[in-house]
C-alpha atoms as a PDB file:
ATOM      1  CA  VAL A   1       4.288-146.683-192.243  1.00  0.00           C
ATOM      2  CA  GLN A   2       4.924-150.270-191.255  1.00  0.00           C
ATOM      3  CA  THR A   3       8.561-149.441-190.623  1.00  0.00           C
ATOM      4  CA  ALA A   4       7.557-146.469-188.463  1.00  0.00           C
ATOM      5  CA  PHE A   5       5.166-148.691-186.496  1.00  0.00           C
ATOM      6  CA  TYR A   6       7.874-151.220-185.664  1.00  0.00           C
ATOM      7  CA  ALA A   7      10.521-148.535-185.076  1.00  0.00           C
ATOM      8  CA  TYR A   8       8.253-146.953-182.447  1.00  0.00           C
ATOM      9  CA  GLN A   9       7.835-150.331-180.767  1.00  0.00           C
ATOM     10  CA  ASP A  10      11.591-150.933-180.822  1.00  0.00           C
ATOM     11  CA  ARG A  11      12.438-147.537-179.382  1.00  0.00           C
ATOM     12  CA  PHE A  12       9.723-147.063-176.760  1.00  0.00           C
ATOM     13  CA  LYS A  13       8.620-150.673-176.121  1.00  0.00           C
ATOM     14  CA  LYS A  14       5.040-149.478-176.655  1.00  0.00           C
ATOM     15  CA  ILE A  15       2.479-149.823-179.415  1.00  0.00           C
ATOM     16  CA  PRO A  16       1.782-146.569-181.282  1.00  0.00           C
ATOM     17  CA  GLY A  17      -1.692-145.467-180.224  1.00  0.00           C
ATOM     18  CA  ASP A  18      -1.488-147.447-176.977  1.00  0.00           C
ATOM     19  CA  ASP A  19       1.495-145.667-175.423  1.00  0.00           C
ATOM     20  CA  SER A  20       0.469-144.528-171.942  1.00  0.00           C
ATOM     21  CA  GLY A  21       3.443-142.136-171.869  1.00  0.00           C
ATOM     22  CA  ALA A  22       2.841-140.463-175.227  1.00  0.00           C
ATOM     23  CA  THR A  23       1.915-137.076-173.732  1.00  0.00           C
ATOM     24  CA  VAL A  24       5.251-137.009-171.901  1.00  0.00           C
ATOM     25  CA  ARG A  25       7.202-137.594-175.127  1.00  0.00           C
ATOM     26  CA  TRP A  26       5.087-135.680-177.642  1.00  0.00           C
ATOM     27  CA  THR A  27       3.259-132.393-177.250  1.00  0.00           C
ATOM     28  CA  GLY A  28      -0.290-132.199-178.557  1.00  0.00           C
ATOM     29  CA  THR A  29      -0.927-135.937-178.293  1.00  0.00           C
ATOM     30  CA  VAL A  30      -3.230-138.151-176.299  1.00  0.00           C
ATOM     31  CA  SER A  31      -1.810-141.071-174.372  1.00  0.00           C
ATOM     32  CA  GLY A  32      -3.179-144.540-174.931  1.00  0.00           C
ATOM     33  CA  GLY A  33      -4.335-146.816-172.168  1.00  0.00           C
ATOM     34  CA  GLY A  34      -1.287-149.076-172.187  1.00  0.00           C
ATOM     35  CA  ASN A  35      -3.681-152.025-172.244  1.00  0.00           C
ATOM     36  CA  GLY A  36      -2.877-153.570-175.633  1.00  0.00           C
ATOM     37  CA  GLN A  37      -5.889-151.890-177.239  1.00  0.00           C
ATOM     38  CA  LEU A  38      -5.546-149.179-179.826  1.00  0.00           C
ATOM     39  CA  THR A  39      -8.016-146.393-179.270  1.00  0.00           C
ATOM     40  CA  GLY A  40      -8.691-146.273-182.959  1.00  0.00           C
ATOM     41  CA  LEU A  41      -7.355-145.813-186.442  1.00  0.00           C
ATOM     42  CA  TYR A  42      -8.656-142.581-187.919  1.00  0.00           C
ATOM     43  CA  ASN A  43      -9.156-141.485-191.487  1.00  0.00           C
ATOM     44  CA  ALA A  44      -8.443-137.946-192.734  1.00  0.00           C
ATOM     45  CA  ASP A  45     -11.908-136.802-191.636  1.00  0.00           C
ATOM     46  CA  GLY A  46     -11.235-137.810-188.024  1.00  0.00           C
ATOM     47  CA  VAL A  47     -13.573-140.802-188.231  1.00  0.00           C
ATOM     48  CA  ILE A  48     -12.534-143.974-186.409  1.00  0.00           C
ATOM     49  CA  VAL A  49     -12.298-146.701-189.030  1.00  0.00           C
ATOM     50  CA  ALA A  50     -10.916-149.461-186.806  1.00  0.00           C
ATOM     51  CA  GLU A  51     -10.225-150.276-183.200  1.00  0.00           C
ATOM     52  CA  GLY A  52      -9.027-153.294-181.295  1.00  0.00           C
ATOM     53  CA  THR A  53      -5.884-155.099-180.293  1.00  0.00           C
ATOM     54  CA  PRO A  54      -2.821-154.807-182.526  1.00  0.00           C
ATOM     55  CA  ASP A  55      -3.482-158.313-183.876  1.00  0.00           C
ATOM     56  CA  GLU A  56      -7.094-157.393-184.666  1.00  0.00           C
ATOM     57  CA  ILE A  57      -5.983-154.223-186.458  1.00  0.00           C
ATOM     58  CA  ARG A  58      -3.346-156.133-188.468  1.00  0.00           C
ATOM     59  CA  ALA A  59      -5.917-158.793-189.425  1.00  0.00           C
ATOM     60  CA  SER A  60      -8.572-156.268-190.509  1.00  0.00           C
ATOM     61  CA  ASP A  61     -10.195-156.824-193.891  1.00  0.00           C
ATOM     62  CA  LYS A  62     -11.202-153.156-194.199  1.00  0.00           C
ATOM     63  CA  PRO A  63      -9.426-151.692-197.248  1.00  0.00           C
ATOM     64  CA  PHE A  64      -8.383-148.436-195.527  1.00  0.00           C
ATOM     65  CA  VAL A  65      -6.948-150.281-192.536  1.00  0.00           C
ATOM     66  CA  ARG A  66      -5.121-152.870-194.664  1.00  0.00           C
ATOM     67  CA  GLN A  67      -3.585-150.170-196.838  1.00  0.00           C
ATOM     68  CA  PHE A  68      -2.363-148.229-193.799  1.00  0.00           C
ATOM     69  CA  VAL A  69      -1.082-151.106-191.668  1.00  0.00           C
ATOM     70  CA  HIS A  70       0.545-153.066-194.494  1.00  0.00           C
ATOM     71  CA  SER A  71       1.912-150.025-196.381  1.00  0.00           C
ATOM     72  CA  GLU A  72       0.042-150.956-199.545  1.00  0.00           C
ATOM     73  CA  ILE A  73       0.275-148.572-202.487  1.00  0.00           C
ATOM     74  CA  ASP A  74      -3.107-149.512-203.944  1.00  0.00           C
ATOM     75  CA  GLY A  75      -6.211-148.901-201.900  1.00  0.00           C
ATOM     76  CA  PRO A  76      -8.814-146.300-201.023  1.00  0.00           C
ATOM     77  CA  VAL A  77      -6.176-143.612-200.391  1.00  0.00           C
ATOM     78  CA  ALA A  78      -4.647-142.583-203.691  1.00  0.00           C
ATOM     79  CA  PHE A  79      -0.898-142.057-203.716  1.00  0.00           C
ATOM     80  CA  HIS A  80       0.158-139.699-206.432  1.00  0.00           C
ATOM     81  CA  TYR A  81       2.830-137.107-205.946  1.00  0.00           C
ATOM     82  CA  PRO A  82       3.187-134.925-209.020  1.00  0.00           C
ATOM     83  CA  GLY A  83       6.738-134.819-210.190  1.00  0.00           C
ATOM     84  CA  GLY A  84       8.784-133.242-212.904  1.00  0.00           C
ATOM     85  CA  ASP A  85      10.060-134.852-216.054  1.00  0.00           C
ATOM     86  CA  TYR A  86      12.146-137.879-215.044  1.00  0.00           C
ATOM     87  CA  LYS A  87      14.619-137.323-217.886  1.00  0.00           C
ATOM     88  CA  LEU A  88      15.313-133.815-216.612  1.00  0.00           C
ATOM     89  CA  ASP A  89      15.864-135.178-213.111  1.00  0.00           C
ATOM     90  CA  LEU A  90      18.471-137.544-214.542  1.00  0.00           C
ATOM     91  CA  GLY A  91      20.043-134.874-216.747  1.00  0.00           C
ATOM     92  CA  VAL A  92      19.238-136.810-219.914  1.00  0.00           C
ATOM     93  CA  ASN A  93      18.449-134.811-223.039  1.00  0.00           C
ATOM     94  CA  ALA A  94      15.668-136.269-225.162  1.00  0.00           C
END
């Protein structure tokens, strides 16, 4: 996620969530104000969990926000993708 955040900035010279031209580039989106303020960081239930300048969002001490912005594995959002037997994936017989 952090890589995607910076890649968006590199490509469009805008902050994701604050891009005033987002609706031109992406269908079904809402453009930001282009004022250095993110309209909000939402959780899966559509609830705003943080808002502010990019520096304020990056400095947040809220666990959900920290996990999202800093690409942390551990946090309130569990990351577990069920996978098959690793030995089978490698072709190793046990």
